[in-house]
Amino acid sequence: MNRPWNQKELDQFLQCPVTHEGLGWMDAEKLKLLNRDIEAGQVMNQVGVKLAEPVDEALVNESGTRLYPCYGGLPSLLIDESIIWESS
């Protein structure tokens, strides 16, 4: 995705608001699996709401335990919107 900011500069400041680990962009293959699971109604956010639409991208913490969805190129780092997901 074409982002309107300097990605390298921004990435160094991104942190998971829960674990305080660094965040990175989910790779394309895992993103495809995540969106498959979203479309199958198998993915919920932190507060138990099923995601209704596929995500454009996702940020993932270093340990891979928490995801943050991105829509329209903008990440949401709200804890309630975070996703705990294991690819199947």
PDB file of N, CA and C in Angstrom:
ATOM      1  N   MET A   1       0.847  -1.180   0.000  1.00  0.00           N
ATOM      2  CA  MET A   1       0.000   0.000   0.000  1.00  0.00           C
ATOM      3  C   MET A   1       0.887   1.235   0.000  1.00  0.00           C
ATOM      4  N   ASN A   2       0.503   2.241  -0.731  1.00  0.00           N
ATOM      5  CA  ASN A   2       1.236   3.492  -0.805  1.00  0.00           C
ATOM      6  C   ASN A   2       0.837   4.372   0.373  1.00  0.00           C
ATOM      7  N   ARG A   3       1.738   4.588   1.294  1.00  0.00           N
ATOM      8  CA  ARG A   3       1.445   5.377   2.489  1.00  0.00           C
ATOM      9  C   ARG A   3       1.941   6.809   2.294  1.00  0.00           C
ATOM     10  N   PRO A   4       1.180   7.805   2.787  1.00  0.00           N
ATOM     11  CA  PRO A   4       1.555   9.204   2.572  1.00  0.00           C
ATOM     12  C   PRO A   4       2.609   9.718   3.540  1.00  0.00           C
ATOM     13  N   TRP A   5       3.288   8.835   4.282  1.00  0.00           N
ATOM     14  CA  TRP A   5       4.300   9.268   5.223  1.00  0.00           C
ATOM     15  C   TRP A   5       5.572   8.465   4.991  1.00  0.00           C
ATOM     16  N   ASN A   6       6.663   8.911   5.584  1.00  0.00           N
ATOM     17  CA  ASN A   6       7.919   8.182   5.497  1.00  0.00           C
ATOM     18  C   ASN A   6       7.832   6.988   6.446  1.00  0.00           C
ATOM     19  N   GLN A   7       7.671   5.807   5.880  1.00  0.00           N
ATOM     20  CA  GLN A   7       7.387   4.604   6.664  1.00  0.00           C
ATOM     21  C   GLN A   7       8.489   4.275   7.663  1.00  0.00           C
ATOM     22  N   LYS A   8       9.741   4.369   7.262  1.00  0.00           N
ATOM     23  CA  LYS A   8      10.835   4.007   8.159  1.00  0.00           C
ATOM     24  C   LYS A   8      10.867   4.909   9.386  1.00  0.00           C
ATOM     25  N   GLU A   9      10.606   6.177   9.199  1.00  0.00           N
ATOM     26  CA  GLU A   9      10.598   7.103  10.334  1.00  0.00           C
ATOM     27  C   GLU A   9       9.454   6.799  11.291  1.00  0.00           C
ATOM     28  N   LEU A  10       8.296   6.488  10.760  1.00  0.00           N
ATOM     29  CA  LEU A  10       7.131   6.213  11.597  1.00  0.00           C
ATOM     30  C   LEU A  10       7.258   4.876  12.318  1.00  0.00           C
ATOM     31  N   ASP A  11       7.726   3.853  11.628  1.00  0.00           N
ATOM     32  CA  ASP A  11       7.789   2.508  12.194  1.00  0.00           C
ATOM     33  C   ASP A  11       8.581   2.444  13.493  1.00  0.00           C
ATOM     34  N   GLN A  12       9.625   3.232  13.606  1.00  0.00           N
ATOM     35  CA  GLN A  12      10.457   3.165  14.807  1.00  0.00           C
ATOM     36  C   GLN A  12       9.729   3.651  16.060  1.00  0.00           C
ATOM     37  N   PHE A  13       8.615   4.363  15.898  1.00  0.00           N
ATOM     38  CA  PHE A  13       7.872   4.881  17.041  1.00  0.00           C
ATOM     39  C   PHE A  13       6.639   4.056  17.388  1.00  0.00           C
ATOM     40  N   LEU A  14       6.262   3.121  16.530  1.00  0.00           N
ATOM     41  CA  LEU A  14       5.053   2.352  16.769  1.00  0.00           C
ATOM     42  C   LEU A  14       5.257   1.333  17.880  1.00  0.00           C
ATOM     43  N   GLN A  15       4.344   1.345  18.859  1.00  0.00           N
ATOM     44  CA  GLN A  15       4.393   0.409  19.969  1.00  0.00           C
ATOM     45  C   GLN A  15       3.007  -0.125  20.248  1.00  0.00           C
ATOM     46  N   CYS A  16       2.948  -1.389  20.634  1.00  0.00           N
ATOM     47  CA  CYS A  16       1.688  -1.992  21.058  1.00  0.00           C
ATOM     48  C   CYS A  16       1.267  -1.322  22.366  1.00  0.00           C
ATOM     49  N   PRO A  17       0.049  -0.780  22.425  1.00  0.00           N
ATOM     50  CA  PRO A  17      -0.388  -0.120  23.656  1.00  0.00           C
ATOM     51  C   PRO A  17      -0.620  -1.086  24.818  1.00  0.00           C
ATOM     52  N   VAL A  18      -0.662  -2.387  24.544  1.00  0.00           N
ATOM     53  CA  VAL A  18      -0.865  -3.377  25.613  1.00  0.00           C
ATOM     54  C   VAL A  18       0.473  -3.927  26.103  1.00  0.00           C
ATOM     55  N   THR A  19       1.280  -4.458  25.180  1.00  0.00           N
ATOM     56  CA  THR A  19       2.528  -5.128  25.561  1.00  0.00           C
ATOM     57  C   THR A  19       3.740  -4.203  25.529  1.00  0.00           C
ATOM     58  N   HIS A  20       3.597  -3.050  24.893  1.00  0.00           N
ATOM     59  CA  HIS A  20       4.671  -2.066  24.714  1.00  0.00           C
ATOM     60  C   HIS A  20       5.812  -2.575  23.839  1.00  0.00           C
ATOM     61  N   GLU A  21       5.546  -3.652  23.091  1.00  0.00           N
ATOM     62  CA  GLU A  21       6.509  -4.150  22.119  1.00  0.00           C
ATOM     63  C   GLU A  21       6.409  -3.316  20.846  1.00  0.00           C
ATOM     64  N   GLY A  22       7.433  -3.386  20.025  1.00  0.00           N
ATOM     65  CA  GLY A  22       7.373  -2.730  18.734  1.00  0.00           C
ATOM     66  C   GLY A  22       6.317  -3.372  17.850  1.00  0.00           C
ATOM     67  N   LEU A  23       5.852  -2.619  16.873  1.00  0.00           N
ATOM     68  CA  LEU A  23       4.863  -3.116  15.920  1.00  0.00           C
ATOM     69  C   LEU A  23       5.459  -3.129  14.521  1.00  0.00           C
ATOM     70  N   GLY A  24       5.046  -4.098  13.733  1.00  0.00           N
ATOM     71  CA  GLY A  24       5.470  -4.179  12.338  1.00  0.00           C
ATOM     72  C   GLY A  24       4.279  -4.551  11.474  1.00  0.00           C
ATOM     73  N   TRP A  25       4.445  -4.416  10.190  1.00  0.00           N
ATOM     74  CA  TRP A  25       3.356  -4.697   9.258  1.00  0.00           C
ATOM     75  C   TRP A  25       3.241  -6.192   9.017  1.00  0.00           C
ATOM     76  N   MET A  26       2.033  -6.700   9.041  1.00  0.00           N
ATOM     77  CA  MET A  26       1.768  -8.120   8.785  1.00  0.00           C
ATOM     78  C   MET A  26       2.120  -8.433   7.336  1.00  0.00           C
ATOM     79  N   ASP A  27       2.751  -9.594   7.117  1.00  0.00           N
ATOM     80  CA  ASP A  27       3.113  -9.951   5.749  1.00  0.00           C
ATOM     81  C   ASP A  27       1.869 -10.332   4.946  1.00  0.00           C
ATOM     82  N   ALA A  28       2.001 -10.302   3.638  1.00  0.00           N
ATOM     83  CA  ALA A  28       0.861 -10.466   2.725  1.00  0.00           C
ATOM     84  C   ALA A  28       0.169 -11.817   2.879  1.00  0.00           C
ATOM     85  N   GLU A  29       0.927 -12.878   3.102  1.00  0.00           N
ATOM     86  CA  GLU A  29       0.322 -14.208   3.221  1.00  0.00           C
ATOM     87  C   GLU A  29      -0.542 -14.315   4.478  1.00  0.00           C
ATOM     88  N   LYS A  30      -0.039 -13.813   5.599  1.00  0.00           N
ATOM     89  CA  LYS A  30      -0.825 -13.836   6.835  1.00  0.00           C
ATOM     90  C   LYS A  30      -2.031 -12.921   6.729  1.00  0.00           C
ATOM     91  N   LEU A  31      -1.870 -11.787   6.050  1.00  0.00           N
ATOM     92  CA  LEU A  31      -2.996 -10.872   5.856  1.00  0.00           C
ATOM     93  C   LEU A  31      -4.105 -11.553   5.065  1.00  0.00           C
ATOM     94  N   LYS A  32      -3.721 -12.318   4.069  1.00  0.00           N
ATOM     95  CA  LYS A  32      -4.696 -13.066   3.275  1.00  0.00           C
ATOM     96  C   LYS A  32      -5.453 -14.060   4.158  1.00  0.00           C
ATOM     97  N   LEU A  33      -4.743 -14.768   5.041  1.00  0.00           N
ATOM     98  CA  LEU A  33      -5.381 -15.715   5.960  1.00  0.00           C
ATOM     99  C   LEU A  33      -6.292 -15.005   6.957  1.00  0.00           C
ATOM    100  N   LEU A  34      -5.835 -13.861   7.466  1.00  0.00           N
ATOM    101  CA  LEU A  34      -6.658 -13.083   8.392  1.00  0.00           C
ATOM    102  C   LEU A  34      -7.963 -12.670   7.717  1.00  0.00           C
ATOM    103  N   ASN A  35      -7.884 -12.142   6.511  1.00  0.00           N
ATOM    104  CA  ASN A  35      -9.092 -11.693   5.807  1.00  0.00           C
ATOM    105  C   ASN A  35     -10.006 -12.866   5.454  1.00  0.00           C
ATOM    106  N   ARG A  36      -9.434 -14.020   5.174  1.00  0.00           N
ATOM    107  CA  ARG A  36     -10.254 -15.216   4.956  1.00  0.00           C
ATOM    108  C   ARG A  36     -11.057 -15.541   6.222  1.00  0.00           C
ATOM    109  N   ASP A  37     -10.393 -15.485   7.365  1.00  0.00           N
ATOM    110  CA  ASP A  37     -11.071 -15.768   8.633  1.00  0.00           C
ATOM    111  C   ASP A  37     -12.100 -14.694   8.981  1.00  0.00           C
ATOM    112  N   ILE A  38     -11.810 -13.433   8.642  1.00  0.00           N
ATOM    113  CA  ILE A  38     -12.786 -12.353   8.869  1.00  0.00           C
ATOM    114  C   ILE A  38     -14.032 -12.622   8.033  1.00  0.00           C
ATOM    115  N   GLU A  39     -13.849 -12.945   6.762  1.00  0.00           N
ATOM    116  CA  GLU A  39     -14.992 -13.202   5.879  1.00  0.00           C
ATOM    117  C   GLU A  39     -15.803 -14.411   6.331  1.00  0.00           C
ATOM    118  N   ALA A  40     -15.162 -15.359   7.023  1.00  0.00           N
ATOM    119  CA  ALA A  40     -15.856 -16.539   7.538  1.00  0.00           C
ATOM    120  C   ALA A  40     -16.512 -16.259   8.899  1.00  0.00           C
ATOM    121  N   GLY A  41     -16.366 -15.022   9.399  1.00  0.00           N
ATOM    122  CA  GLY A  41     -16.979 -14.654  10.676  1.00  0.00           C
ATOM    123  C   GLY A  41     -16.282 -15.225  11.889  1.00  0.00           C
ATOM    124  N   GLN A  42     -14.978 -15.499  11.763  1.00  0.00           N
ATOM    125  CA  GLN A  42     -14.226 -16.141  12.832  1.00  0.00           C
ATOM    126  C   GLN A  42     -13.291 -15.211  13.597  1.00  0.00           C
ATOM    127  N   VAL A  43     -13.317 -13.913  13.314  1.00  0.00           N
ATOM    128  CA  VAL A  43     -12.382 -12.997  13.955  1.00  0.00           C
ATOM    129  C   VAL A  43     -13.154 -11.943  14.738  1.00  0.00           C
ATOM    130  N   MET A  44     -12.791 -11.813  16.016  1.00  0.00           N
ATOM    131  CA  MET A  44     -13.407 -10.803  16.879  1.00  0.00           C
ATOM    132  C   MET A  44     -12.326  -9.884  17.431  1.00  0.00           C
ATOM    133  N   ASN A  45     -12.745  -8.668  17.758  1.00  0.00           N
ATOM    134  CA  ASN A  45     -11.806  -7.750  18.391  1.00  0.00           C
ATOM    135  C   ASN A  45     -11.758  -8.014  19.895  1.00  0.00           C
ATOM    136  N   GLN A  46     -10.991  -7.219  20.594  1.00  0.00           N
ATOM    137  CA  GLN A  46     -10.755  -7.403  22.025  1.00  0.00           C
ATOM    138  C   GLN A  46     -12.042  -7.437  22.844  1.00  0.00           C
ATOM    139  N   VAL A  47     -13.064  -6.699  22.432  1.00  0.00           N
ATOM    140  CA  VAL A  47     -14.310  -6.649  23.207  1.00  0.00           C
ATOM    141  C   VAL A  47     -15.369  -7.622  22.689  1.00  0.00           C
ATOM    142  N   GLY A  48     -14.978  -8.508  21.776  1.00  0.00           N
ATOM    143  CA  GLY A  48     -15.868  -9.567  21.332  1.00  0.00           C
ATOM    144  C   GLY A  48     -16.769  -9.253  20.155  1.00  0.00           C
ATOM    145  N   VAL A  49     -16.501  -8.169  19.460  1.00  0.00           N
ATOM    146  CA  VAL A  49     -17.285  -7.811  18.284  1.00  0.00           C
ATOM    147  C   VAL A  49     -16.635  -8.428  17.046  1.00  0.00           C
ATOM    148  N   LYS A  50     -17.424  -9.180  16.271  1.00  0.00           N
ATOM    149  CA  LYS A  50     -16.908  -9.778  15.039  1.00  0.00           C
ATOM    150  C   LYS A  50     -16.573  -8.692  14.030  1.00  0.00           C
ATOM    151  N   LEU A  51     -15.424  -8.835  13.370  1.00  0.00           N
ATOM    152  CA  LEU A  51     -15.071  -7.898  12.315  1.00  0.00           C
ATOM    153  C   LEU A  51     -15.976  -8.146  11.122  1.00  0.00           C
ATOM    154  N   ALA A  52     -16.526  -7.081  10.572  1.00  0.00           N
ATOM    155  CA  ALA A  52     -17.507  -7.190   9.501  1.00  0.00           C
ATOM    156  C   ALA A  52     -16.891  -7.075   8.114  1.00  0.00           C
ATOM    157  N   GLU A  53     -15.711  -6.483   8.016  1.00  0.00           N
ATOM    158  CA  GLU A  53     -15.095  -6.297   6.706  1.00  0.00           C
ATOM    159  C   GLU A  53     -13.606  -6.611   6.769  1.00  0.00           C
ATOM    160  N   PRO A  54     -13.039  -7.061   5.654  1.00  0.00           N
ATOM    161  CA  PRO A  54     -11.597  -7.345   5.615  1.00  0.00           C
ATOM    162  C   PRO A  54     -10.790  -6.081   5.899  1.00  0.00           C
ATOM    163  N   VAL A  55      -9.581  -6.272   6.391  1.00  0.00           N
ATOM    164  CA  VAL A  55      -8.695  -5.148   6.673  1.00  0.00           C
ATOM    165  C   VAL A  55      -7.756  -4.931   5.493  1.00  0.00           C
ATOM    166  N   ASP A  56      -7.345  -3.681   5.307  1.00  0.00           N
ATOM    167  CA  ASP A  56      -6.393  -3.351   4.239  1.00  0.00           C
ATOM    168  C   ASP A  56      -5.001  -3.867   4.589  1.00  0.00           C
ATOM    169  N   GLU A  57      -4.641  -3.684   5.840  1.00  0.00           N
ATOM    170  CA  GLU A  57      -3.351  -4.101   6.380  1.00  0.00           C
ATOM    171  C   GLU A  57      -3.550  -4.300   7.871  1.00  0.00           C
ATOM    172  N   ALA A  58      -2.521  -4.808   8.525  1.00  0.00           N
ATOM    173  CA  ALA A  58      -2.582  -4.954   9.972  1.00  0.00           C
ATOM    174  C   ALA A  58      -1.183  -4.796  10.548  1.00  0.00           C
ATOM    175  N   LEU A  59      -1.132  -4.185  11.711  1.00  0.00           N
ATOM    176  CA  LEU A  59       0.106  -4.116  12.471  1.00  0.00           C
ATOM    177  C   LEU A  59       0.083  -5.251  13.481  1.00  0.00           C
ATOM    178  N   VAL A  60       1.230  -5.843  13.725  1.00  0.00           N
ATOM    179  CA  VAL A  60       1.320  -6.956  14.673  1.00  0.00           C
ATOM    180  C   VAL A  60       2.467  -6.671  15.642  1.00  0.00           C
ATOM    181  N   ASN A  61       2.254  -7.032  16.925  1.00  0.00           N
ATOM    182  CA  ASN A  61       3.335  -6.808  17.883  1.00  0.00           C
ATOM    183  C   ASN A  61       4.436  -7.843  17.675  1.00  0.00           C
ATOM    184  N   GLU A  62       5.597  -7.600  18.287  1.00  0.00           N
ATOM    185  CA  GLU A  62       6.780  -8.428  18.041  1.00  0.00           C
ATOM    186  C   GLU A  62       6.563  -9.895  18.393  1.00  0.00           C
ATOM    187  N   SER A  63       5.778 -10.170  19.426  1.00  0.00           N
ATOM    188  CA  SER A  63       5.547 -11.559  19.813  1.00  0.00           C
ATOM    189  C   SER A  63       4.435 -12.212  18.998  1.00  0.00           C
ATOM    190  N   GLY A  64       3.764 -11.428  18.147  1.00  0.00           N
ATOM    191  CA  GLY A  64       2.719 -11.958  17.280  1.00  0.00           C
ATOM    192  C   GLY A  64       1.419 -12.285  17.990  1.00  0.00           C
ATOM    193  N   THR A  65       1.208 -11.724  19.163  1.00  0.00           N
ATOM    194  CA  THR A  65       0.021 -12.047  19.948  1.00  0.00           C
ATOM    195  C   THR A  65      -1.135 -11.077  19.763  1.00  0.00           C
ATOM    196  N   ARG A  66      -0.876  -9.915  19.192  1.00  0.00           N
ATOM    197  CA  ARG A  66      -1.931  -8.912  19.071  1.00  0.00           C
ATOM    198  C   ARG A  66      -1.786  -8.160  17.760  1.00  0.00           C
ATOM    199  N   LEU A  67      -2.932  -7.984  17.066  1.00  0.00           N
ATOM    200  CA  LEU A  67      -2.981  -7.280  15.786  1.00  0.00           C
ATOM    201  C   LEU A  67      -3.799  -6.004  15.916  1.00  0.00           C
ATOM    202  N   TYR A  68      -3.472  -5.045  15.085  1.00  0.00           N
ATOM    203  CA  TYR A  68      -4.221  -3.790  15.012  1.00  0.00           C
ATOM    204  C   TYR A  68      -4.617  -3.566  13.560  1.00  0.00           C
ATOM    205  N   PRO A  69      -5.919  -3.490  13.271  1.00  0.00           N
ATOM    206  CA  PRO A  69      -6.377  -3.377  11.893  1.00  0.00           C
ATOM    207  C   PRO A  69      -6.097  -2.005  11.292  1.00  0.00           C
ATOM    208  N   CYS A  70      -5.939  -1.992   9.981  1.00  0.00           N
ATOM    209  CA  CYS A  70      -5.761  -0.746   9.234  1.00  0.00           C
ATOM    210  C   CYS A  70      -6.833  -0.687   8.152  1.00  0.00           C
ATOM    211  N   TYR A  71      -7.488   0.432   8.077  1.00  0.00           N
ATOM    212  CA  TYR A  71      -8.504   0.677   7.055  1.00  0.00           C
ATOM    213  C   TYR A  71      -8.138   1.970   6.341  1.00  0.00           C
ATOM    214  N   GLY A  72      -8.131   1.941   5.028  1.00  0.00           N
ATOM    215  CA  GLY A  72      -7.787   3.134   4.267  1.00  0.00           C
ATOM    216  C   GLY A  72      -6.371   3.613   4.532  1.00  0.00           C
ATOM    217  N   GLY A  73      -5.496   2.680   4.912  1.00  0.00           N
ATOM    218  CA  GLY A  73      -4.104   3.031   5.184  1.00  0.00           C
ATOM    219  C   GLY A  73      -3.851   3.597   6.561  1.00  0.00           C
ATOM    220  N   LEU A  74      -4.898   3.699   7.390  1.00  0.00           N
ATOM    221  CA  LEU A  74      -4.737   4.267   8.730  1.00  0.00           C
ATOM    222  C   LEU A  74      -4.891   3.184   9.789  1.00  0.00           C
ATOM    223  N   PRO A  75      -3.850   2.965  10.604  1.00  0.00           N
ATOM    224  CA  PRO A  75      -3.953   1.960  11.651  1.00  0.00           C
ATOM    225  C   PRO A  75      -4.768   2.459  12.842  1.00  0.00           C
ATOM    226  N   SER A  76      -5.492   1.541  13.456  1.00  0.00           N
ATOM    227  CA  SER A  76      -6.206   1.843  14.693  1.00  0.00           C
ATOM    228  C   SER A  76      -5.464   1.162  15.826  1.00  0.00           C
ATOM    229  N   LEU A  77      -4.903   1.940  16.731  1.00  0.00           N
ATOM    230  CA  LEU A  77      -4.169   1.393  17.864  1.00  0.00           C
ATOM    231  C   LEU A  77      -5.004   1.410  19.139  1.00  0.00           C
ATOM    232  N   LEU A  78      -6.319   1.418  18.977  1.00  0.00           N
ATOM    233  CA  LEU A  78      -7.201   1.358  20.140  1.00  0.00           C
ATOM    234  C   LEU A  78      -7.212  -0.073  20.673  1.00  0.00           C
ATOM    235  N   ILE A  79      -7.028  -0.234  21.971  1.00  0.00           N
ATOM    236  CA  ILE A  79      -6.982  -1.573  22.570  1.00  0.00           C
ATOM    237  C   ILE A  79      -8.260  -2.344  22.290  1.00  0.00           C
ATOM    238  N   ASP A  80      -9.417  -1.689  22.397  1.00  0.00           N
ATOM    239  CA  ASP A  80     -10.687  -2.379  22.159  1.00  0.00           C
ATOM    240  C   ASP A  80     -10.820  -2.913  20.739  1.00  0.00           C
ATOM    241  N   GLU A  81     -10.131  -2.305  19.778  1.00  0.00           N
ATOM    242  CA  GLU A  81     -10.204  -2.750  18.390  1.00  0.00           C
ATOM    243  C   GLU A  81      -9.094  -3.737  18.027  1.00  0.00           C
ATOM    244  N   SER A  82      -8.208  -4.025  18.975  1.00  0.00           N
ATOM    245  CA  SER A  82      -7.129  -4.971  18.698  1.00  0.00           C
ATOM    246  C   SER A  82      -7.702  -6.379  18.560  1.00  0.00           C
ATOM    247  N   ILE A  83      -6.932  -7.230  17.920  1.00  0.00           N
ATOM    248  CA  ILE A  83      -7.361  -8.590  17.591  1.00  0.00           C
ATOM    249  C   ILE A  83      -6.345  -9.577  18.143  1.00  0.00           C
ATOM    250  N   ILE A  84      -6.845 -10.588  18.841  1.00  0.00           N
ATOM    251  CA  ILE A  84      -6.008 -11.716  19.226  1.00  0.00           C
ATOM    252  C   ILE A  84      -6.392 -12.836  18.286  1.00  0.00           C
ATOM    253  N   TRP A  85      -5.451 -13.242  17.433  1.00  0.00           N
ATOM    254  CA  TRP A  85      -5.782 -14.159  16.322  1.00  0.00           C
ATOM    255  C   TRP A  85      -4.662 -15.147  16.106  1.00  0.00           C
ATOM    256  N   GLU A  86      -5.031 -16.392  15.902  1.00  0.00           N
ATOM    257  CA  GLU A  86      -4.084 -17.419  15.485  1.00  0.00           C
ATOM    258  C   GLU A  86      -4.492 -17.883  14.101  1.00  0.00           C
ATOM    259  N   SER A  87      -3.568 -17.856  13.169  1.00  0.00           N
ATOM    260  CA  SER A  87      -3.910 -18.320  11.819  1.00  0.00           C
ATOM    261  C   SER A  87      -4.164 -19.817  11.863  1.00  0.00           C
ATOM    262  N   SER A  88      -5.197 -20.229  11.117  1.00  0.00           N
ATOM    263  CA  SER A  88      -5.537 -21.656  11.104  1.00  0.00           C
ATOM    264  C   SER A  88      -5.001 -22.344   9.876  1.00  0.00           C
TER     265      SER A  88
END
